[in-house]
Every structure is written in structure tokens, then in C-alpha cells.
């Protein structure tokens, strides 16, 4: 048993804590948020859940660690703790890492990589800190076996993550390897694509779980299709990690659990089913709609999404009622295209004009729908002349955003003018 750390995007911590609690319910672990800064308190089966900043800690065994890699849609990685302690300089970090029995994790024939993250650290060089951790691993294995492992910066057998604060350091084994937003299906990319983990967070914040009762999901500015594909996989019960490999599969502590891993994968495959709720998507760009359709095919949900190349300002609703979740392009992500339009914004000349026109279109044709828009524009409700019913702080990489909820009400018909 160990206390794992699952980092996530800013603003997603509470959603991730709920997801972890659900996935771990069979083992009733303790769940809490990173950094001990509570924002949400809940009780589930006697568990205390605290949502803070940075991620979620969870007490877990190897089986739960593997399941979190396979099933979590919101975590960026699953990190297993190896050593923790106070430090003053790189020599202390070397001593900290030398205390780990590295032969229990890898052999000299395998490879490693060290990544360092810092917060208010007194260290002058994070690269030198990474070098000292690598030296500790190599020296320990050389003393024990007479040989040392090598470094592989692309696909190491043992990825290590070192977190250094003002005086405390924690060293983790990264059980995921590649970050978990890499689901294994994306090949065609648009400009500044949304990460799959953040797309899943938008759906989770909207409360859309892919059930028939949730109704249709629609993304009218789908880009490479990330939101729609995440939604379709949820509706089809497809585990986000089912099509990829993980670093823990090459690590010694998990070899004794190969049967458990096989059973987890088999159960995940058997859980796949026809979609419980329809998913619709489209983009004004034929190129992006084609990218999205190809990505959906690789993700195994081509038949679960109806794609259509259309201007969001002109497309009629694909159903009588439903939920819109969208991440329209914005200035920090995509520069203006040509002189007349911005990709994804149809014929409108600026994002402000697009939002005003989109709101008018929705009021005419989308009465009864619920719309969720991710945007860094804090004045978005004013631009759309909509009153939001909710706003959720989220970070898209380094960009601070809000996820706005708008409950669309149809325009009242105008009374006929009198004659006289």
C-alpha cells in the first residue's frame, strides 16, 4: 500500500477526487486533495474528500494503481512514492534517492529518466538536481549488480518525477509513462488541440455522463474532435486507457500482478457497449471535420458520433433538447486566419462578434438547450448578452479560463403591429 499522487489541471481537483472515490469504492481508500487546501468537503462511504490545488492523493495498492491508469479520465499521471524528506541542496537529494532499493524496480539492462518540478525551491539548477537523482540510481545498481542502467529521454522503463519545494522533496515512480491525456488514438491534430483530460473535465463539470437520461451531446466547434470523442467513449463505456500501454507494465513490482492487469483489461473490454446517448459534432472547416472523423475511427467511436461540416452560426439543432459543450478558438491559441474570418468562427470577423451572433442564433433555434463554453474571456456573458447560471474556474495549460453555463431560453415571438 502506498499514497499515490494524481496530478491534474488547475480547477479539476474536486472532479478528480470524486472520480477517484468512485473508482476506488471497492477498496474504500482515503482520498484527499493535494497541498491540504480544502475547497469541497463530502462524505462517501465514510471517506473524507478534500478538493484543493494540484491533484489528489489516494492510499492504494498495485491493483488500484493499475485501475486508475486504465480508467481515470481526469488525472494527468499516476505517481507512486519512492522517497520523501527534507533537503538543502543536491547532495541531500542524492542521499534521499540512495535510500531506495532500486534493484526492486529495474535491472541495469533497463532505462530511466528523471523530470524535476519545483515550487519556491532554493536550487539553482533543476537539471543538476535531475542529474544527481540519476547518479544515485546508477551508483546503487552498480554497487549491487556491477552494472548501471542508461538514460532514455523518450520511452524510459522507469520514469521518475521529483518534486522539490522550499525544504521538502518527494521522489515518485511515474507509473503512467506518457501522460494520461495521450489515449492512444490521436494522430490528426488541429491547431492548439484541447487535451483529452481537460475535455473529460468539461463533460464532468457539465454533469454529462453518457446516459440516455443525459440526452444528446453537441460540440458545434469540434476542431480535432476531442470533446466529442471523449463523450462518445463515455457513452460507449470505453475505458480511456484501453488502447495504450503504461510504464508500470515494465516495472518489477508489477510483474507479480500481471494476472490482475489482464483481468482489468478484459473486464474493460467486456464493458464496451453501444452508445447510450447520441453525440453530434461539427466544424466550419472541412479539414478539421475530416481530422475529427479519422480520430474518432481510431478511438473506436466512429459510429457513435454524427459529424457535419457546418457554420456554428447557421447549423440548426441536431435534436430538440440537449447539452452543448464547446471550446471555441480564442486569441491566445489561434491567430486570425486571413482578413475576413477566424477558423471556427464562420463569417464573423472577431471573437466578440462571433459570441454575439452565436447567442442570437441559439436564442432563435436552441431554446431548451444547456450550453457550456470554455473561454478565457471573463466578459463572455456580457458579450453574449446571456446571464450565466454557473461559472467554473479551469486552466487550459497556462491560460486561466472559465467554463460558463448558459440555459438557453427561446426568444418570445413579437406581437404583431397594429394597423392605423
Protein backbone atom coordinates (compact mmCIF):
# COMPACT_ATOMS: atom_id res chain seq x y z
CA UNK A 1 0.00 0.00 0.00
CA UNK A 2 1.27 3.48 -0.85
CA UNK A 3 -0.07 7.03 -1.03
CA UNK A 4 -0.26 7.78 -4.73
CA UNK A 5 -0.35 11.29 -6.17
CA UNK A 6 -2.53 12.02 -9.21
CA UNK A 7 -1.78 15.48 -10.66
CA UNK A 8 -4.43 17.23 -12.72
CA UNK A 9 -5.19 20.53 -14.46
CA UNK A 10 -5.97 23.53 -12.28
CA UNK A 11 -9.61 23.60 -11.26
CA UNK A 12 -10.13 19.86 -11.84
CA UNK A 13 -9.10 18.70 -8.36
CA UNK A 14 -12.61 18.34 -6.94
CA UNK A 15 -13.84 16.47 -10.00
CA UNK A 16 -10.81 14.17 -9.87
CA UNK A 17 -11.36 13.45 -6.17
CA UNK A 18 -14.93 12.35 -6.98
CA UNK A 19 -13.70 10.17 -9.85
CA UNK A 20 -11.01 8.55 -7.69
CA UNK A 21 -13.55 7.89 -4.94
CA UNK A 22 -15.83 6.19 -7.46
CA UNK A 23 -13.06 4.06 -8.99
CA UNK A 24 -11.69 3.09 -5.60
CA UNK A 25 -15.03 2.48 -3.88
CA UNK A 26 -14.46 -1.27 -3.74
CA UNK A 27 -11.36 -0.75 -1.59
CA UNK A 28 -12.55 2.25 0.43
CA UNK A 29 -9.20 4.12 0.36
CA UNK A 30 -8.62 7.53 1.89
CA UNK A 31 -8.88 10.36 -0.63
CA UNK A 32 -7.70 13.91 -0.13
CA UNK A 33 -6.59 16.82 -2.29
CA UNK A 34 -3.03 17.98 -2.76
CA UNK A 35 -1.42 20.68 -0.61
CA UNK A 36 -4.10 20.39 2.11
CA UNK A 37 -6.13 23.37 0.92
CA UNK A 38 -9.75 22.17 1.23
CA UNK A 39 -12.38 23.72 -1.02
CA UNK A 40 -15.02 20.97 -1.09
CA UNK A 41 -15.95 18.52 1.64
CA UNK A 42 -18.01 15.39 1.05
CA UNK A 43 -18.61 12.04 2.66
CA UNK A 44 -18.86 8.87 0.64
CA UNK A 45 -18.83 5.54 2.41
CA UNK A 46 -17.10 7.13 5.40
CA UNK A 47 -14.36 8.67 3.28
CA UNK A 48 -13.22 12.28 3.68
CA UNK A 49 -12.69 14.02 0.35
CA UNK A 50 -10.95 17.39 0.19
CA UNK A 51 -10.55 19.25 -3.08
CA UNK A 52 -7.57 21.60 -3.22
CA UNK A 53 -4.94 22.59 -5.76
CA UNK A 54 -2.64 20.41 -7.81
CA UNK A 55 -4.05 16.90 -7.66
CA UNK A 56 -5.29 14.10 -5.44
CA UNK A 57 -3.57 11.74 -3.02
CA UNK A 58 -5.02 8.27 -2.57
CA UNK A 59 -3.90 5.28 -0.50
CA UNK A 60 -3.74 2.41 -2.97
CA UNK A 61 -2.25 -0.97 -3.72
CA UNK A 62 -0.86 -2.14 -7.06
CA UNK A 63 -4.28 -3.24 -8.33
CA UNK A 64 -5.86 0.16 -7.73
CA UNK A 65 -2.84 1.93 -9.22
CA UNK A 66 -3.29 -0.08 -12.42
CA UNK A 67 -7.04 0.57 -12.45
CA UNK A 68 -6.52 4.32 -12.08
CA UNK A 69 -4.19 4.30 -15.09
CA UNK A 70 -6.75 2.39 -17.11
CA UNK A 71 -9.92 4.17 -16.01
CA UNK A 72 -9.17 7.73 -14.90
CA UNK A 73 -10.25 10.36 -17.43
CA UNK A 74 -9.14 13.37 -15.38
CA UNK A 75 -5.72 12.51 -13.89
CA UNK A 76 -2.61 13.50 -15.83
CA UNK A 77 -0.43 10.79 -14.32
CA UNK A 78 -0.38 8.15 -11.57
CA UNK A 79 2.69 8.61 -9.37
CA UNK A 80 3.96 6.03 -6.84
CA UNK A 81 6.05 7.44 -3.95
CA UNK A 82 9.61 6.19 -3.51
CA UNK A 83 11.22 8.62 -1.06
CA UNK A 84 10.41 11.81 0.79
CA UNK A 85 12.41 14.06 3.10
CA UNK A 86 13.92 17.42 3.85
CA UNK A 87 16.76 18.78 1.73
CA UNK A 88 19.05 21.78 1.47
CA UNK A 89 20.97 21.04 -1.70
CA UNK A 90 21.59 18.46 -4.44
CA UNK A 91 23.73 16.34 -2.09
CA UNK A 92 20.68 15.80 0.12
CA UNK A 93 18.67 14.78 -2.93
CA UNK A 94 21.35 12.25 -3.86
CA UNK A 95 21.22 10.78 -0.33
CA UNK A 96 17.42 10.67 -0.48
CA UNK A 97 17.47 8.68 -3.71
CA UNK A 98 20.22 6.33 -2.48
CA UNK A 99 17.83 5.18 0.22
CA UNK A 100 15.61 3.48 -2.39
CA UNK A 101 16.20 -0.20 -3.17
CA UNK A 102 16.39 0.35 -6.95
CA UNK A 103 17.02 -3.30 -7.78
CA UNK A 104 13.41 -3.92 -6.73
CA UNK A 105 12.28 -1.68 -9.59
CA UNK A 106 14.58 -2.13 -12.60
CA UNK A 107 17.62 -4.02 -13.83
CA UNK A 108 20.80 -2.49 -15.29
CA UNK A 109 19.56 -3.55 -18.73
CA UNK A 110 16.63 -1.14 -18.42
CA UNK A 111 16.48 2.64 -18.77
CA UNK A 112 15.38 5.62 -16.71
CA UNK A 113 14.58 9.31 -16.98
CA UNK A 114 14.25 11.99 -14.29
CA UNK A 115 11.96 15.03 -14.52
CA UNK A 116 12.00 17.74 -11.85
CA UNK A 117 9.25 20.15 -10.84
CA UNK A 118 9.91 22.95 -8.36
CA UNK A 119 7.91 25.35 -6.26
CA UNK A 120 9.83 28.03 -4.36
CA UNK A 121 12.90 25.78 -4.36
CA UNK A 122 16.31 27.22 -3.39
CA UNK A 123 18.03 25.06 -6.02
CA UNK A 124 19.82 26.96 -8.75
CA UNK A 125 19.65 24.22 -11.38
CA UNK A 126 16.85 21.70 -11.76
CA UNK A 127 18.90 19.92 -14.42
CA UNK A 128 21.65 19.31 -11.86
CA UNK A 129 19.06 18.01 -9.40
CA UNK A 130 17.85 15.54 -12.03
CA UNK A 131 21.46 14.51 -12.69
CA UNK A 132 22.06 13.76 -9.00
CA UNK A 133 18.95 11.57 -8.80
CA UNK A 134 20.12 9.70 -11.90
CA UNK A 135 23.58 9.28 -10.35
CA UNK A 136 22.03 7.84 -7.19
CA UNK A 137 20.08 5.22 -9.14
CA UNK A 138 23.08 4.26 -11.27
CA UNK A 139 25.50 4.14 -8.33
CA UNK A 140 23.13 1.98 -6.27
CA UNK A 141 22.61 -0.54 -9.08
CA UNK A 142 26.32 -0.62 -9.94
CA UNK A 143 27.19 -1.41 -6.32
CA UNK A 144 24.59 -4.16 -6.16
CA UNK A 145 24.92 -5.72 -9.63
CA UNK A 146 28.16 -4.44 -11.14
CA UNK A 147 26.33 -2.66 -13.96
CA UNK A 148 24.28 0.50 -14.37
CA UNK A 149 21.20 1.43 -16.37
CA UNK A 150 21.23 4.04 -19.12
CA UNK A 151 19.09 7.09 -19.77
CA UNK A 152 16.28 7.13 -22.33
CA UNK A 153 14.58 10.51 -22.65
CA UNK A 154 11.83 9.26 -25.00
CA UNK A 155 10.48 5.98 -23.61
CA UNK A 156 12.24 5.04 -20.37
CA UNK A 157 11.38 1.88 -18.49
CA UNK A 158 11.41 3.82 -15.21
CA UNK A 159 10.26 7.45 -15.49
CA UNK A 160 11.00 9.30 -12.25
CA UNK A 161 9.32 12.51 -11.08
CA UNK A 162 10.99 14.66 -8.43
CA UNK A 163 9.02 17.43 -6.71
CA UNK A 164 11.05 19.97 -4.72
CA UNK A 165 9.55 22.66 -2.52
CA UNK A 166 11.20 25.13 -0.16
CA UNK A 167 12.64 22.40 2.07
CA UNK A 168 10.81 19.13 1.23
CA UNK A 169 11.42 16.79 -1.70
CA UNK A 170 9.39 13.82 -2.91
CA UNK A 171 10.54 11.29 -5.47
CA UNK A 172 7.92 9.28 -7.40
CA UNK A 173 7.89 6.49 -9.95
CA UNK A 174 5.66 7.62 -12.81
CA UNK A 175 3.50 4.54 -13.42
CA UNK A 176 1.84 6.09 -16.46
CA UNK A 177 4.89 6.85 -18.58
CA UNK A 178 3.38 9.05 -21.22
CA UNK A 179 0.81 11.44 -19.69
CA UNK A 180 -2.68 10.02 -19.44
CA UNK A 181 -4.18 12.55 -21.85
CA UNK A 182 -2.43 10.55 -24.56
CA UNK A 183 -5.21 7.99 -25.04
CA UNK A 184 -3.53 6.29 -28.00
CA UNK A 185 -5.89 7.40 -30.76
CA UNK A 186 -4.88 10.94 -31.70
CA UNK A 187 -2.85 11.27 -34.89
CA UNK A 188 -4.59 14.10 -36.70
CA UNK A 189 -4.18 17.33 -34.77
CA UNK A 190 -5.60 20.76 -35.31
CA UNK A 191 -4.07 23.96 -34.03
CA UNK A 192 -3.79 24.06 -30.21
CA UNK A 193 -5.89 20.91 -29.59
CA UNK A 194 -7.62 20.53 -26.24
CA UNK A 195 -6.09 17.85 -24.03
CA UNK A 196 -8.31 14.81 -23.58
CA UNK A 197 -8.15 15.08 -19.79
CA UNK A 198 -9.48 18.66 -19.90
CA UNK A 199 -12.19 17.68 -22.39
CA UNK A 200 -13.28 14.99 -19.96
CA UNK A 201 -13.27 17.58 -17.16
CA UNK A 202 -15.63 19.81 -19.17
CA UNK A 203 -18.06 16.90 -19.51
CA UNK A 204 -17.73 16.01 -15.83
CA UNK A 205 -18.35 19.61 -14.77
CA UNK A 206 -21.42 19.69 -17.02
CA UNK A 207 -22.70 16.53 -15.34
CA UNK A 208 -22.93 14.72 -18.68
CA UNK A 209 -22.23 11.01 -18.07
CA UNK A 210 -23.31 9.49 -21.37
CA UNK A 211 -26.54 8.04 -20.02
CA UNK A 212 -29.76 8.03 -22.02
CA UNK A 213 -31.22 10.37 -19.39
CA UNK A 214 -28.44 12.90 -20.10
CA UNK A 215 -29.68 13.40 -23.65
CA UNK A 216 -27.60 14.35 -26.71
CA UNK A 217 -24.17 15.99 -26.51
CA UNK A 218 -23.24 18.55 -29.20
CA UNK A 219 -19.97 20.36 -29.96
CA UNK A 220 -20.51 22.83 -32.85
CA UNK A 221 -16.80 23.90 -32.97
CA UNK A 222 -15.25 20.46 -32.60
CA UNK A 223 -11.79 21.06 -34.08
CA UNK A 224 -9.97 17.71 -33.99
CA UNK A 225 -12.95 16.19 -32.17
CA UNK A 226 -11.57 15.81 -28.65
CA UNK A 227 -14.72 16.70 -26.69
CA UNK A 228 -16.99 14.65 -28.96
CA UNK A 229 -14.67 11.62 -28.85
CA UNK A 230 -14.38 11.74 -25.06
CA UNK A 231 -18.18 12.00 -24.85
CA UNK A 232 -18.69 9.08 -27.24
CA UNK A 233 -16.26 6.88 -25.32
CA UNK A 234 -18.13 7.68 -22.12
CA UNK A 235 -21.45 6.87 -23.79
CA UNK A 236 -19.98 3.57 -25.05
CA UNK A 237 -18.32 2.61 -21.75
CA UNK A 238 -14.81 2.64 -23.28
CA UNK A 239 -12.03 3.00 -20.70
CA UNK A 240 -9.72 5.90 -21.64
CA UNK A 241 -6.55 3.79 -21.28
CA UNK A 242 -7.77 0.72 -23.14
CA UNK A 243 -5.81 1.46 -26.34
CA UNK A 244 -2.41 2.33 -24.84
CA UNK A 245 0.48 0.96 -22.77
CA UNK A 246 1.81 2.12 -19.40
CA UNK A 247 5.23 2.32 -17.76
CA UNK A 248 4.22 0.07 -14.84
CA UNK A 249 3.96 -2.86 -17.27
CA UNK A 250 7.78 -2.83 -17.49
CA UNK A 251 8.49 -2.40 -13.76
CA UNK A 252 9.40 -5.26 -11.44
CA UNK A 253 6.89 -4.56 -8.60
CA UNK A 254 4.02 -5.04 -11.02
CA UNK A 255 5.17 -8.23 -12.72
CA UNK A 256 3.64 -10.30 -9.94
CA UNK A 257 0.32 -8.63 -10.72
CA UNK A 258 0.24 -9.47 -14.42
CA UNK A 259 -2.87 -11.60 -13.95
CA UNK A 260 -4.67 -8.75 -12.18
CA UNK A 261 -3.77 -6.39 -15.02
CA UNK A 262 -5.01 -8.89 -17.59
CA UNK A 263 -8.30 -9.23 -15.72
CA UNK A 264 -8.72 -5.44 -15.51
CA UNK A 265 -8.19 -5.08 -19.26
CA UNK A 266 -10.55 -7.97 -20.03
CA UNK A 267 -13.27 -6.51 -17.83
CA UNK A 268 -12.83 -3.13 -19.53
CA UNK A 269 -13.18 -4.67 -22.98
CA UNK A 270 -16.30 -6.58 -21.92
CA UNK A 271 -17.82 -3.34 -20.61
CA UNK A 272 -17.86 -1.68 -24.06
CA UNK A 273 -21.38 -1.32 -25.46
CA UNK A 274 -23.46 0.60 -27.98
CA UNK A 275 -23.81 4.29 -27.09
CA UNK A 276 -26.48 5.15 -24.54
CA UNK A 277 -26.69 8.79 -25.69
CA UNK A 278 -26.12 10.37 -29.13
CA UNK A 279 -23.16 12.65 -29.81
CA UNK A 280 -23.13 15.32 -32.51
CA UNK A 281 -20.19 17.44 -33.64
CA UNK A 282 -19.12 19.72 -36.45
CA UNK A 283 -16.78 22.46 -37.55
CA UNK A 284 -16.81 25.18 -40.17
CA UNK A 285 -13.57 23.71 -41.58
CA UNK A 286 -13.81 20.62 -43.83
CA UNK A 287 -10.20 19.86 -42.88
CA UNK A 288 -10.96 19.79 -39.16
CA UNK A 289 -14.13 17.73 -39.58
CA UNK A 290 -12.09 15.20 -41.55
CA UNK A 291 -9.41 15.15 -38.84
CA UNK A 292 -12.06 14.61 -36.18
CA UNK A 293 -13.74 11.78 -38.09
CA UNK A 294 -10.40 9.96 -38.53
CA UNK A 295 -9.56 10.40 -34.86
CA UNK A 296 -13.00 9.04 -33.91
CA UNK A 297 -12.41 5.96 -36.06
CA UNK A 298 -9.11 5.24 -34.29
CA UNK A 299 -10.81 5.76 -30.93
CA UNK A 300 -13.43 3.15 -31.80
CA UNK A 301 -16.38 5.57 -31.79
CA UNK A 302 -16.85 6.44 -35.47
CA UNK A 303 -20.41 5.10 -35.42
CA UNK A 304 -21.23 6.90 -32.16
CA UNK A 305 -20.67 10.46 -33.45
CA UNK A 306 -22.52 12.28 -36.21
CA UNK A 307 -20.08 14.76 -37.78
CA UNK A 308 -21.20 17.56 -40.06
CA UNK A 309 -19.21 20.37 -41.62
CA UNK A 310 -21.24 23.48 -40.88
CA UNK A 311 -21.01 27.02 -39.56
CA UNK A 312 -21.98 27.08 -35.88
CA UNK A 313 -23.87 30.31 -36.58
CA UNK A 314 -26.13 28.64 -39.10
CA UNK A 315 -26.42 24.99 -38.06
CA UNK A 316 -29.89 24.00 -36.82
CA UNK A 317 -30.11 21.98 -33.60
CA UNK A 318 -29.44 18.25 -34.12
CA UNK A 319 -32.12 17.36 -31.55
CA UNK A 320 -35.00 19.04 -29.75
CA UNK A 321 -33.07 19.26 -26.46
CA UNK A 322 -29.55 18.51 -25.31
CA UNK A 323 -26.25 19.74 -23.90
CA UNK A 324 -23.70 21.83 -25.80
CA UNK A 325 -20.06 21.61 -24.64
CA UNK A 326 -17.58 23.62 -26.66
CA UNK A 327 -14.10 25.11 -26.57
CA UNK A 328 -14.12 27.72 -29.35
CA UNK A 329 -10.78 29.06 -30.60
CA UNK A 330 -9.50 32.19 -28.89
CA UNK A 331 -6.67 34.64 -29.33
CA UNK A 332 -4.04 33.02 -27.15
CA UNK A 333 -4.45 29.74 -29.04
CA UNK A 334 -5.12 30.58 -32.68
CA UNK A 335 -4.25 33.69 -34.67
CA UNK A 336 -6.64 35.24 -37.17
CA UNK A 337 -6.98 33.42 -40.48
CA UNK A 338 -6.76 35.74 -43.45
CA UNK A 339 -8.58 39.05 -43.43
CA UNK A 340 -12.18 38.02 -43.07
CA UNK A 341 -12.58 35.15 -40.65
CA UNK A 342 -11.09 33.16 -37.81
CA UNK A 343 -11.10 29.39 -38.15
CA UNK A 344 -14.05 28.06 -36.22
CA UNK A 345 -15.80 31.44 -36.21
CA UNK A 346 -17.54 31.20 -39.57
CA UNK A 347 -18.01 34.53 -41.33
CA UNK A 348 -17.66 36.72 -38.24
CA UNK A 349 -14.60 38.96 -38.09
CA UNK A 350 -13.73 38.70 -34.38
CA UNK A 351 -14.41 36.50 -31.35
CA UNK A 352 -16.63 39.22 -29.84
CA UNK A 353 -18.78 39.32 -32.95
CA UNK A 354 -18.88 35.55 -33.07
CA UNK A 355 -20.14 35.23 -29.49
CA UNK A 356 -22.87 37.85 -30.01
CA UNK A 357 -24.01 36.15 -33.22
CA UNK A 358 -23.86 32.69 -31.61
CA UNK A 359 -26.07 33.81 -28.72
CA UNK A 360 -28.61 35.29 -31.13
CA UNK A 361 -28.62 32.05 -33.15
CA UNK A 362 -29.16 29.96 -30.02
CA UNK A 363 -32.00 32.15 -28.80
CA UNK A 364 -33.76 31.72 -32.14
CA UNK A 365 -33.22 27.98 -32.57
CA UNK A 366 -31.86 26.30 -29.40
CA UNK A 367 -34.45 27.10 -26.75
CA UNK A 368 -34.37 24.47 -24.00
CA UNK A 369 -30.70 23.53 -24.57
CA UNK A 370 -27.98 23.91 -21.94
CA UNK A 371 -24.66 25.29 -23.21
CA UNK A 372 -21.23 25.09 -21.57
CA UNK A 373 -18.45 27.24 -23.07
CA UNK A 374 -14.78 27.20 -22.03
CA UNK A 375 -13.24 30.65 -22.53
CA UNK A 376 -10.53 32.92 -21.09
CA UNK A 377 -12.88 35.86 -21.76
CA UNK A 378 -14.28 36.75 -18.36
CA UNK A 379 -16.74 39.17 -20.01
CA UNK A 380 -18.27 36.38 -22.08
CA UNK A 381 -21.80 36.63 -20.57
CA UNK A 382 -21.88 40.34 -21.39
CA UNK A 383 -20.64 39.74 -24.93
CA UNK A 384 -23.36 37.14 -25.45
CA UNK A 385 -26.00 39.13 -23.55
CA UNK A 386 -26.64 35.96 -21.57
CA UNK A 387 -26.76 35.56 -17.81
CA UNK A 388 -24.67 32.56 -16.86
CA UNK A 389 -26.14 30.13 -14.35
CA UNK A 390 -22.70 28.86 -13.35
CA UNK A 391 -19.02 29.58 -13.94
CA UNK A 392 -16.28 27.05 -13.15
CA UNK A 393 -12.61 28.18 -12.93
CA UNK A 394 -10.38 25.94 -15.08
CA UNK A 395 -6.90 26.22 -16.53
CA UNK A 396 -6.20 25.27 -20.15
CA UNK A 397 -2.45 24.83 -19.84
CA UNK A 398 -1.16 28.23 -18.73
CA UNK A 399 -4.36 30.03 -19.75
CA UNK A 400 -6.82 30.85 -16.99
CA UNK A 401 -10.35 30.16 -18.21
CA UNK A 402 -13.92 29.87 -17.05
CA UNK A 403 -16.41 27.20 -18.02
CA UNK A 404 -19.67 29.13 -18.37
CA UNK A 405 -23.09 27.51 -18.24
CA UNK A 406 -25.92 29.17 -20.14
CA UNK A 407 -29.52 27.95 -20.03
CA UNK A 408 -30.89 28.92 -23.43
CA UNK A 409 -34.37 30.40 -23.50
CA UNK A 410 -36.10 30.87 -26.82
CA UNK A 411 -36.93 34.41 -27.89
CA UNK A 412 -40.53 35.32 -27.27
CA UNK A 413 -42.43 35.91 -30.53
CA UNK A 414 -43.01 39.54 -31.37
CA UNK A 415 -46.55 40.84 -31.13
CA UNK A 416 -47.93 41.97 -34.50
CA UNK A 417 -48.00 45.67 -35.05
CA UNK A 418 -51.38 47.37 -35.10
CA UNK A 419 -52.82 48.92 -38.22
CA UNK A 420 -53.93 52.51 -38.08
